[in-house]
Amino acid sequence: MKHKHYDLIVAWANGAEIEARYEKATGWTDWKTEDGGFVWYINGAEYRIKPEPKPDVVEYLRVGRRTYSLTFEWSDSPRANLKLIYDGETGVLKSAEVIK
């Protein structure tokens, strides 16, 4: 009978990054040992191959002022005057840049 974490252990041995968490915990973490090994023996732990991070999302916007309102035109054309970068994991706005 093979070990219940056999596939993950093989993936780790082949270079995959492994994360772990306790069953009731909300966040995944790296449980590396001082010598670069990994802790596989914690009771009540879950393991997974660390997922690839989602890339940031870049959007371009044209903002213009008409009387008392702002008008928005989504665009990646040269007319865009604002560049917005959102975190790929959380969707939170990371930066905004005025394009001149």
PDB file of N, CA and C in Angstrom:
ATOM      1  N   MET A   1       0.848  -1.180   0.000  1.00  0.00           N
ATOM      2  CA  MET A   1       0.000   0.000   0.000  1.00  0.00           C
ATOM      3  C   MET A   1       0.891   1.239   0.000  1.00  0.00           C
ATOM      4  N   LYS A   2       0.613   2.161  -0.904  1.00  0.00           N
ATOM      5  CA  LYS A   2       1.482   3.334  -0.963  1.00  0.00           C
ATOM      6  C   LYS A   2       1.037   4.393   0.040  1.00  0.00           C
ATOM      7  N   HIS A   3       1.993   5.225   0.424  1.00  0.00           N
ATOM      8  CA  HIS A   3       1.782   6.295   1.387  1.00  0.00           C
ATOM      9  C   HIS A   3       0.685   7.230   0.885  1.00  0.00           C
ATOM     10  N   LYS A   4      -0.117   7.795   1.798  1.00  0.00           N
ATOM     11  CA  LYS A   4      -1.234   8.640   1.367  1.00  0.00           C
ATOM     12  C   LYS A   4      -0.769   9.929   0.684  1.00  0.00           C
ATOM     13  N   HIS A   5       0.477  10.340   0.912  1.00  0.00           N
ATOM     14  CA  HIS A   5       1.018  11.533   0.251  1.00  0.00           C
ATOM     15  C   HIS A   5       2.035  11.172  -0.832  1.00  0.00           C
ATOM     16  N   TYR A   6       1.977   9.935  -1.297  1.00  0.00           N
ATOM     17  CA  TYR A   6       2.958   9.441  -2.261  1.00  0.00           C
ATOM     18  C   TYR A   6       3.120  10.373  -3.462  1.00  0.00           C
ATOM     19  N   ASP A   7       2.021  10.743  -4.108  1.00  0.00           N
ATOM     20  CA  ASP A   7       2.098  11.567  -5.324  1.00  0.00           C
ATOM     21  C   ASP A   7       2.736  12.928  -5.038  1.00  0.00           C
ATOM     22  N   LEU A   8       2.394  13.528  -3.894  1.00  0.00           N
ATOM     23  CA  LEU A   8       2.979  14.818  -3.530  1.00  0.00           C
ATOM     24  C   LEU A   8       4.462  14.677  -3.187  1.00  0.00           C
ATOM     25  N   ILE A   9       4.820  13.600  -2.522  1.00  0.00           N
ATOM     26  CA  ILE A   9       6.226  13.371  -2.172  1.00  0.00           C
ATOM     27  C   ILE A   9       7.059  13.184  -3.440  1.00  0.00           C
ATOM     28  N   VAL A  10       6.536  12.451  -4.401  1.00  0.00           N
ATOM     29  CA  VAL A  10       7.235  12.264  -5.680  1.00  0.00           C
ATOM     30  C   VAL A  10       7.363  13.606  -6.400  1.00  0.00           C
ATOM     31  N   ALA A  11       6.285  14.395  -6.421  1.00  0.00           N
ATOM     32  CA  ALA A  11       6.337  15.715  -7.065  1.00  0.00           C
ATOM     33  C   ALA A  11       7.378  16.595  -6.385  1.00  0.00           C
ATOM     34  N   TRP A  12       7.422  16.580  -5.053  1.00  0.00           N
ATOM     35  CA  TRP A  12       8.415  17.353  -4.296  1.00  0.00           C
ATOM     36  C   TRP A  12       9.834  16.878  -4.631  1.00  0.00           C
ATOM     37  N   ALA A  13      10.038  15.569  -4.701  1.00  0.00           N
ATOM     38  CA  ALA A  13      11.357  15.015  -5.039  1.00  0.00           C
ATOM     39  C   ALA A  13      11.782  15.429  -6.446  1.00  0.00           C
ATOM     40  N   ASN A  14      10.800  15.687  -7.322  1.00  0.00           N
ATOM     41  CA  ASN A  14      11.090  16.121  -8.686  1.00  0.00           C
ATOM     42  C   ASN A  14      11.144  17.641  -8.830  1.00  0.00           C
ATOM     43  N   GLY A  15      11.116  18.355  -7.697  1.00  0.00           N
ATOM     44  CA  GLY A  15      11.309  19.798  -7.732  1.00  0.00           C
ATOM     45  C   GLY A  15      10.086  20.661  -7.520  1.00  0.00           C
ATOM     46  N   ALA A  16       8.914  20.070  -7.347  1.00  0.00           N
ATOM     47  CA  ALA A  16       7.711  20.874  -7.118  1.00  0.00           C
ATOM     48  C   ALA A  16       7.763  21.516  -5.735  1.00  0.00           C
ATOM     49  N   GLU A  17       7.208  22.713  -5.620  1.00  0.00           N
ATOM     50  CA  GLU A  17       7.100  23.370  -4.319  1.00  0.00           C
ATOM     51  C   GLU A  17       5.822  22.891  -3.658  1.00  0.00           C
ATOM     52  N   ILE A  18       5.935  22.511  -2.391  1.00  0.00           N
ATOM     53  CA  ILE A  18       4.804  21.975  -1.640  1.00  0.00           C
ATOM     54  C   ILE A  18       4.430  22.958  -0.541  1.00  0.00           C
ATOM     55  N   GLU A  19       3.132  23.115  -0.323  1.00  0.00           N
ATOM     56  CA  GLU A  19       2.622  23.927   0.774  1.00  0.00           C
ATOM     57  C   GLU A  19       1.808  23.029   1.694  1.00  0.00           C
ATOM     58  N   ALA A  20       1.663  23.476   2.933  1.00  0.00           N
ATOM     59  CA  ALA A  20       0.904  22.704   3.910  1.00  0.00           C
ATOM     60  C   ALA A  20       0.075  23.636   4.774  1.00  0.00           C
ATOM     61  N   ARG A  21      -0.932  23.064   5.402  1.00  0.00           N
ATOM     62  CA  ARG A  21      -1.725  23.790   6.393  1.00  0.00           C
ATOM     63  C   ARG A  21      -2.406  22.778   7.289  1.00  0.00           C
ATOM     64  N   TYR A  22      -2.744  23.223   8.502  1.00  0.00           N
ATOM     65  CA  TYR A  22      -3.558  22.387   9.367  1.00  0.00           C
ATOM     66  C   TYR A  22      -4.978  22.398   8.824  1.00  0.00           C
ATOM     67  N   GLU A  23      -5.708  21.333   9.059  1.00  0.00           N
ATOM     68  CA  GLU A  23      -7.053  21.173   8.494  1.00  0.00           C
ATOM     69  C   GLU A  23      -7.953  22.380   8.733  1.00  0.00           C
ATOM     70  N   LYS A  24      -7.872  22.994   9.876  1.00  0.00           N
ATOM     71  CA  LYS A  24      -8.764  24.107  10.213  1.00  0.00           C
ATOM     72  C   LYS A  24      -8.159  25.470   9.861  1.00  0.00           C
ATOM     73  N   ALA A  25      -6.922  25.518   9.419  1.00  0.00           N
ATOM     74  CA  ALA A  25      -6.266  26.783   9.103  1.00  0.00           C
ATOM     75  C   ALA A  25      -6.772  27.338   7.782  1.00  0.00           C
ATOM     76  N   THR A  26      -6.641  28.636   7.615  1.00  0.00           N
ATOM     77  CA  THR A  26      -7.120  29.263   6.387  1.00  0.00           C
ATOM     78  C   THR A  26      -6.020  29.448   5.354  1.00  0.00           C
ATOM     79  N   GLY A  27      -4.778  29.597   5.785  1.00  0.00           N
ATOM     80  CA  GLY A  27      -3.713  29.893   4.836  1.00  0.00           C
ATOM     81  C   GLY A  27      -2.742  28.738   4.641  1.00  0.00           C
ATOM     82  N   TRP A  28      -2.200  28.658   3.432  1.00  0.00           N
ATOM     83  CA  TRP A  28      -1.183  27.663   3.095  1.00  0.00           C
ATOM     84  C   TRP A  28       0.186  28.273   3.353  1.00  0.00           C
ATOM     85  N   THR A  29       1.152  27.434   3.758  1.00  0.00           N
ATOM     86  CA  THR A  29       2.496  27.919   4.050  1.00  0.00           C
ATOM     87  C   THR A  29       3.533  26.874   3.652  1.00  0.00           C
ATOM     88  N   ASP A  30       4.772  27.302   3.623  1.00  0.00           N
ATOM     89  CA  ASP A  30       5.900  26.442   3.277  1.00  0.00           C
ATOM     90  C   ASP A  30       6.512  25.909   4.570  1.00  0.00           C
ATOM     91  N   TRP A  31       6.510  24.608   4.766  1.00  0.00           N
ATOM     92  CA  TRP A  31       7.057  24.013   5.980  1.00  0.00           C
ATOM     93  C   TRP A  31       8.425  23.404   5.721  1.00  0.00           C
ATOM     94  N   LYS A  32       9.337  24.183   5.173  1.00  0.00           N
ATOM     95  CA  LYS A  32      10.680  23.659   4.908  1.00  0.00           C
ATOM     96  C   LYS A  32      11.473  23.538   6.203  1.00  0.00           C
ATOM     97  N   THR A  33      12.357  22.560   6.214  1.00  0.00           N
ATOM     98  CA  THR A  33      13.269  22.400   7.337  1.00  0.00           C
ATOM     99  C   THR A  33      14.540  23.204   7.066  1.00  0.00           C
ATOM    100  N   GLU A  34      15.404  23.312   8.060  1.00  0.00           N
ATOM    101  CA  GLU A  34      16.631  24.097   7.906  1.00  0.00           C
ATOM    102  C   GLU A  34      17.519  23.598   6.772  1.00  0.00           C
ATOM    103  N   ASP A  35      17.494  22.301   6.512  1.00  0.00           N
ATOM    104  CA  ASP A  35      18.346  21.739   5.455  1.00  0.00           C
ATOM    105  C   ASP A  35      17.649  21.699   4.092  1.00  0.00           C
ATOM    106  N   GLY A  36      16.490  22.368   3.977  1.00  0.00           N
ATOM    107  CA  GLY A  36      15.784  22.421   2.704  1.00  0.00           C
ATOM    108  C   GLY A  36      14.799  21.287   2.493  1.00  0.00           C
ATOM    109  N   GLY A  37      14.679  20.414   3.473  1.00  0.00           N
ATOM    110  CA  GLY A  37      13.706  19.323   3.379  1.00  0.00           C
ATOM    111  C   GLY A  37      12.301  19.847   3.608  1.00  0.00           C
ATOM    112  N   PHE A  38      11.381  18.943   3.815  1.00  0.00           N
ATOM    113  CA  PHE A  38       9.992  19.338   4.033  1.00  0.00           C
ATOM    114  C   PHE A  38       9.407  18.483   5.136  1.00  0.00           C
ATOM    115  N   VAL A  39       8.513  19.046   5.921  1.00  0.00           N
ATOM    116  CA  VAL A  39       7.885  18.342   7.031  1.00  0.00           C
ATOM    117  C   VAL A  39       6.646  17.612   6.526  1.00  0.00           C
ATOM    118  N   TRP A  40       6.706  16.280   6.506  1.00  0.00           N
ATOM    119  CA  TRP A  40       5.584  15.468   6.014  1.00  0.00           C
ATOM    120  C   TRP A  40       4.836  14.755   7.137  1.00  0.00           C
ATOM    121  N   TYR A  41       5.270  14.885   8.352  1.00  0.00           N
ATOM    122  CA  TYR A  41       4.747  14.025   9.401  1.00  0.00           C
ATOM    123  C   TYR A  41       3.804  14.708  10.372  1.00  0.00           C
ATOM    124  N   ILE A  42       3.395  15.922  10.109  1.00  0.00           N
ATOM    125  CA  ILE A  42       2.502  16.613  11.025  1.00  0.00           C
ATOM    126  C   ILE A  42       1.099  16.002  10.933  1.00  0.00           C
ATOM    127  N   ASN A  43       0.576  15.544  12.071  1.00  0.00           N
ATOM    128  CA  ASN A  43      -0.780  14.978  12.091  1.00  0.00           C
ATOM    129  C   ASN A  43      -1.790  16.091  11.876  1.00  0.00           C
ATOM    130  N   GLY A  44      -2.813  15.802  11.121  1.00  0.00           N
ATOM    131  CA  GLY A  44      -3.872  16.774  10.876  1.00  0.00           C
ATOM    132  C   GLY A  44      -3.507  17.822   9.837  1.00  0.00           C
ATOM    133  N   ALA A  45      -2.484  17.565   9.030  1.00  0.00           N
ATOM    134  CA  ALA A  45      -2.067  18.532   8.018  1.00  0.00           C
ATOM    135  C   ALA A  45      -2.568  18.128   6.642  1.00  0.00           C
ATOM    136  N   GLU A  46      -2.778  19.139   5.814  1.00  0.00           N
ATOM    137  CA  GLU A  46      -3.101  18.935   4.405  1.00  0.00           C
ATOM    138  C   GLU A  46      -1.914  19.442   3.600  1.00  0.00           C
ATOM    139  N   TYR A  47      -1.674  18.859   2.447  1.00  0.00           N
ATOM    140  CA  TYR A  47      -0.561  19.247   1.585  1.00  0.00           C
ATOM    141  C   TYR A  47      -1.072  19.467   0.170  1.00  0.00           C
ATOM    142  N   ARG A  48      -0.364  20.315  -0.568  1.00  0.00           N
ATOM    143  CA  ARG A  48      -0.701  20.527  -1.976  1.00  0.00           C
ATOM    144  C   ARG A  48       0.531  21.034  -2.712  1.00  0.00           C
ATOM    145  N   ILE A  49       0.523  20.880  -4.024  1.00  0.00           N
ATOM    146  CA  ILE A  49       1.546  21.511  -4.851  1.00  0.00           C
ATOM    147  C   ILE A  49       1.203  22.990  -4.903  1.00  0.00           C
ATOM    148  N   LYS A  50       2.197  23.823  -4.665  1.00  0.00           N
ATOM    149  CA  LYS A  50       1.972  25.268  -4.654  1.00  0.00           C
ATOM    150  C   LYS A  50       1.487  25.708  -6.030  1.00  0.00           C
ATOM    151  N   PRO A  51       0.323  26.366  -6.092  1.00  0.00           N
ATOM    152  CA  PRO A  51      -0.196  26.786  -7.392  1.00  0.00           C
ATOM    153  C   PRO A  51       0.628  27.924  -7.992  1.00  0.00           C
ATOM    154  N   GLU A  52       0.640  27.988  -9.302  1.00  0.00           N
ATOM    155  CA  GLU A  52       1.310  29.091  -9.985  1.00  0.00           C
ATOM    156  C   GLU A  52       0.535  30.373  -9.693  1.00  0.00           C
ATOM    157  N   PRO A  53       1.245  31.456  -9.385  1.00  0.00           N
ATOM    158  CA  PRO A  53       0.526  32.705  -9.122  1.00  0.00           C
ATOM    159  C   PRO A  53      -0.146  33.230 -10.385  1.00  0.00           C
ATOM    160  N   LYS A  54      -1.312  33.826 -10.201  1.00  0.00           N
ATOM    161  CA  LYS A  54      -2.018  34.421 -11.329  1.00  0.00           C
ATOM    162  C   LYS A  54      -1.318  35.736 -11.689  1.00  0.00           C
ATOM    163  N   PRO A  55      -1.158  36.003 -12.976  1.00  0.00           N
ATOM    164  CA  PRO A  55      -0.485  37.234 -13.370  1.00  0.00           C
ATOM    165  C   PRO A  55      -1.346  38.460 -13.068  1.00  0.00           C
ATOM    166  N   ASP A  56      -0.673  39.595 -12.875  1.00  0.00           N
ATOM    167  CA  ASP A  56      -1.382  40.847 -12.683  1.00  0.00           C
ATOM    168  C   ASP A  56      -2.195  41.179 -13.928  1.00  0.00           C
ATOM    169  N   VAL A  57      -3.272  41.925 -13.742  1.00  0.00           N
ATOM    170  CA  VAL A  57      -4.128  42.358 -14.841  1.00  0.00           C
ATOM    171  C   VAL A  57      -3.854  43.836 -15.096  1.00  0.00           C
ATOM    172  N   VAL A  58      -3.566  44.167 -16.348  1.00  0.00           N
ATOM    173  CA  VAL A  58      -3.288  45.550 -16.726  1.00  0.00           C
ATOM    174  C   VAL A  58      -4.435  46.041 -17.601  1.00  0.00           C
ATOM    175  N   GLU A  59      -4.993  47.182 -17.244  1.00  0.00           N
ATOM    176  CA  GLU A  59      -6.063  47.783 -18.032  1.00  0.00           C
ATOM    177  C   GLU A  59      -5.702  49.231 -18.325  1.00  0.00           C
ATOM    178  N   TYR A  60      -6.119  49.672 -19.483  1.00  0.00           N
ATOM    179  CA  TYR A  60      -5.873  51.051 -19.900  1.00  0.00           C
ATOM    180  C   TYR A  60      -7.217  51.764 -19.981  1.00  0.00           C
ATOM    181  N   LEU A  61      -7.219  53.025 -19.624  1.00  0.00           N
ATOM    182  CA  LEU A  61      -8.446  53.791 -19.534  1.00  0.00           C
ATOM    183  C   LEU A  61      -8.218  55.190 -20.073  1.00  0.00           C
ATOM    184  N   ARG A  62      -9.213  55.701 -20.743  1.00  0.00           N
ATOM    185  CA  ARG A  62      -9.181  57.114 -21.155  1.00  0.00           C
ATOM    186  C   ARG A  62     -10.157  57.854 -20.261  1.00  0.00           C
ATOM    187  N   VAL A  63      -9.662  58.814 -19.534  1.00  0.00           N
ATOM    188  CA  VAL A  63     -10.485  59.608 -18.639  1.00  0.00           C
ATOM    189  C   VAL A  63     -10.505  61.027 -19.168  1.00  0.00           C
ATOM    190  N   GLY A  64     -11.705  61.566 -19.366  1.00  0.00           N
ATOM    191  CA  GLY A  64     -11.852  62.935 -19.829  1.00  0.00           C
ATOM    192  C   GLY A  64     -12.885  63.665 -19.003  1.00  0.00           C
ATOM    193  N   ARG A  65     -12.801  64.954 -18.963  1.00  0.00           N
ATOM    194  CA  ARG A  65     -13.741  65.739 -18.168  1.00  0.00           C
ATOM    195  C   ARG A  65     -14.701  66.482 -19.099  1.00  0.00           C
ATOM    196  N   ARG A  66     -15.978  66.291 -18.854  1.00  0.00           N
ATOM    197  CA  ARG A  66     -17.028  66.993 -19.594  1.00  0.00           C
ATOM    198  C   ARG A  66     -17.950  67.658 -18.577  1.00  0.00           C
ATOM    199  N   THR A  67     -17.948  68.919 -18.566  1.00  0.00           N
ATOM    200  CA  THR A  67     -18.744  69.698 -17.627  1.00  0.00           C
ATOM    201  C   THR A  67     -18.436  69.247 -16.204  1.00  0.00           C
ATOM    202  N   TYR A  68     -19.392  68.560 -15.556  1.00  0.00           N
ATOM    203  CA  TYR A  68     -19.168  68.139 -14.179  1.00  0.00           C
ATOM    204  C   TYR A  68     -19.046  66.623 -14.027  1.00  0.00           C
ATOM    205  N   SER A  69     -18.857  65.903 -15.115  1.00  0.00           N
ATOM    206  CA  SER A  69     -18.793  64.446 -15.012  1.00  0.00           C
ATOM    207  C   SER A  69     -17.507  63.924 -15.643  1.00  0.00           C
ATOM    208  N   LEU A  70     -17.145  62.764 -15.229  1.00  0.00           N
ATOM    209  CA  LEU A  70     -16.000  62.074 -15.821  1.00  0.00           C
ATOM    210  C   LEU A  70     -16.527  61.055 -16.816  1.00  0.00           C
ATOM    211  N   THR A  71     -15.864  60.913 -17.942  1.00  0.00           N
ATOM    212  CA  THR A  71     -16.248  59.892 -18.916  1.00  0.00           C
ATOM    213  C   THR A  71     -15.124  58.866 -18.999  1.00  0.00           C
ATOM    214  N   PHE A  72     -15.495  57.611 -19.059  1.00  0.00           N
ATOM    215  CA  PHE A  72     -14.524  56.525 -19.092  1.00  0.00           C
ATOM    216  C   PHE A  72     -14.630  55.782 -20.420  1.00  0.00           C
ATOM    217  N   GLU A  73     -13.508  55.549 -21.023  1.00  0.00           N
ATOM    218  CA  GLU A  73     -13.471  54.776 -22.270  1.00  0.00           C
ATOM    219  C   GLU A  73     -12.362  53.739 -22.119  1.00  0.00           C
ATOM    220  N   TRP A  74     -12.728  52.455 -21.972  1.00  0.00           N
ATOM    221  CA  TRP A  74     -11.720  51.418 -21.834  1.00  0.00           C
ATOM    222  C   TRP A  74     -11.018  51.259 -23.166  1.00  0.00           C
ATOM    223  N   SER A  75      -9.701  51.241 -23.110  1.00  0.00           N
ATOM    224  CA  SER A  75      -8.968  51.201 -24.366  1.00  0.00           C
ATOM    225  C   SER A  75      -7.532  50.778 -24.118  1.00  0.00           C
ATOM    226  N   ASP A  76      -6.939  50.130 -25.100  1.00  0.00           N
ATOM    227  CA  ASP A  76      -5.498  49.895 -25.084  1.00  0.00           C
ATOM    228  C   ASP A  76      -4.860  50.679 -26.224  1.00  0.00           C
ATOM    229  N   SER A  77      -5.599  51.630 -26.737  1.00  0.00           N
ATOM    230  CA  SER A  77      -5.122  52.446 -27.848  1.00  0.00           C
ATOM    231  C   SER A  77      -4.250  53.584 -27.334  1.00  0.00           C
ATOM    232  N   PRO A  78      -3.587  54.294 -28.234  1.00  0.00           N
ATOM    233  CA  PRO A  78      -2.767  55.440 -27.825  1.00  0.00           C
ATOM    234  C   PRO A  78      -3.574  56.543 -27.150  1.00  0.00           C
ATOM    235  N   ARG A  79      -4.905  56.511 -27.266  1.00  0.00           N
ATOM    236  CA  ARG A  79      -5.736  57.529 -26.623  1.00  0.00           C
ATOM    237  C   ARG A  79      -5.818  57.346 -25.117  1.00  0.00           C
ATOM    238  N   ALA A  80      -5.490  56.172 -24.617  1.00  0.00           N
ATOM    239  CA  ALA A  80      -5.569  55.918 -23.181  1.00  0.00           C
ATOM    240  C   ALA A  80      -4.614  56.858 -22.440  1.00  0.00           C
ATOM    241  N   ASN A  81      -5.080  57.344 -21.295  1.00  0.00           N
ATOM    242  CA  ASN A  81      -4.225  58.233 -20.507  1.00  0.00           C
ATOM    243  C   ASN A  81      -4.053  57.757 -19.064  1.00  0.00           C
ATOM    244  N   LEU A  82      -4.536  56.561 -18.773  1.00  0.00           N
ATOM    245  CA  LEU A  82      -4.392  56.004 -17.438  1.00  0.00           C
ATOM    246  C   LEU A  82      -4.130  54.504 -17.540  1.00  0.00           C
ATOM    247  N   LYS A  83      -3.150  54.022 -16.814  1.00  0.00           N
ATOM    248  CA  LYS A  83      -2.813  52.595 -16.778  1.00  0.00           C
ATOM    249  C   LYS A  83      -3.073  52.094 -15.363  1.00  0.00           C
ATOM    250  N   LEU A  84      -3.911  51.065 -15.232  1.00  0.00           N
ATOM    251  CA  LEU A  84      -4.252  50.481 -13.944  1.00  0.00           C
ATOM    252  C   LEU A  84      -3.701  49.063 -13.868  1.00  0.00           C
ATOM    253  N   ILE A  85      -3.098  48.724 -12.737  1.00  0.00           N
ATOM    254  CA  ILE A  85      -2.573  47.369 -12.544  1.00  0.00           C
ATOM    255  C   ILE A  85      -3.242  46.775 -11.308  1.00  0.00           C
ATOM    256  N   TYR A  86      -3.905  45.615 -11.524  1.00  0.00           N
ATOM    257  CA  TYR A  86      -4.592  44.909 -10.457  1.00  0.00           C
ATOM    258  C   TYR A  86      -3.831  43.638 -10.104  1.00  0.00           C
ATOM    259  N   ASP A  87      -3.786  43.297  -8.823  1.00  0.00           N
ATOM    260  CA  ASP A  87      -3.160  42.070  -8.362  1.00  0.00           C
ATOM    261  C   ASP A  87      -3.912  40.877  -8.943  1.00  0.00           C
ATOM    262  N   GLY A  88      -3.194  39.976  -9.575  1.00  0.00           N
ATOM    263  CA  GLY A  88      -3.820  38.820 -10.211  1.00  0.00           C
ATOM    264  C   GLY A  88      -4.477  37.867  -9.242  1.00  0.00           C
ATOM    265  N   GLU A  89      -4.003  37.827  -8.008  1.00  0.00           N
ATOM    266  CA  GLU A  89      -4.560  36.918  -7.010  1.00  0.00           C
ATOM    267  C   GLU A  89      -5.791  37.494  -6.325  1.00  0.00           C
ATOM    268  N   THR A  90      -5.728  38.768  -5.957  1.00  0.00           N
ATOM    269  CA  THR A  90      -6.791  39.358  -5.142  1.00  0.00           C
ATOM    270  C   THR A  90      -7.726  40.286  -5.908  1.00  0.00           C
ATOM    271  N   GLY A  91      -7.293  40.772  -7.069  1.00  0.00           N
ATOM    272  CA  GLY A  91      -8.087  41.736  -7.823  1.00  0.00           C
ATOM    273  C   GLY A  91      -7.994  43.151  -7.286  1.00  0.00           C
ATOM    274  N   VAL A  92      -7.163  43.357  -6.276  1.00  0.00           N
ATOM    275  CA  VAL A  92      -7.001  44.678  -5.661  1.00  0.00           C
ATOM    276  C   VAL A  92      -6.102  45.549  -6.541  1.00  0.00           C
ATOM    277  N   LEU A  93      -6.470  46.811  -6.683  1.00  0.00           N
ATOM    278  CA  LEU A  93      -5.677  47.757  -7.453  1.00  0.00           C
ATOM    279  C   LEU A  93      -4.311  47.938  -6.790  1.00  0.00           C
ATOM    280  N   LYS A  94      -3.240  47.670  -7.546  1.00  0.00           N
ATOM    281  CA  LYS A  94      -1.877  47.806  -7.028  1.00  0.00           C
ATOM    282  C   LYS A  94      -1.274  49.166  -7.373  1.00  0.00           C
ATOM    283  N   SER A  95      -1.555  49.640  -8.594  1.00  0.00           N
ATOM    284  CA  SER A  95      -0.982  50.926  -8.992  1.00  0.00           C
ATOM    285  C   SER A  95      -1.811  51.544 -10.103  1.00  0.00           C
ATOM    286  N   ALA A  96      -1.672  52.862 -10.203  1.00  0.00           N
ATOM    287  CA  ALA A  96      -2.301  53.628 -11.266  1.00  0.00           C
ATOM    288  C   ALA A  96      -1.251  54.609 -11.789  1.00  0.00           C
ATOM    289  N   GLU A  97      -1.137  54.690 -13.097  1.00  0.00           N
ATOM    290  CA  GLU A  97      -0.126  55.533 -13.710  1.00  0.00           C
ATOM    291  C   GLU A  97      -0.776  56.435 -14.762  1.00  0.00           C
ATOM    292  N   VAL A  98      -0.478  57.721 -14.673  1.00  0.00           N
ATOM    293  CA  VAL A  98      -0.955  58.637 -15.679  1.00  0.00           C
ATOM    294  C   VAL A  98      -0.024  58.555 -16.880  1.00  0.00           C
ATOM    295  N   ILE A  99      -0.599  58.330 -18.059  1.00  0.00           N
ATOM    296  CA  ILE A  99       0.172  58.233 -19.294  1.00  0.00           C
ATOM    297  C   ILE A  99       0.076  59.573 -20.001  1.00  0.00           C
ATOM    298  N   LYS A 100       1.218  60.149 -20.276  1.00  0.00           N
ATOM    299  CA  LYS A 100       1.222  61.465 -20.940  1.00  0.00           C
ATOM    300  C   LYS A 100       1.506  61.331 -22.399  1.00  0.00           C
TER     301      LYS A 100
END
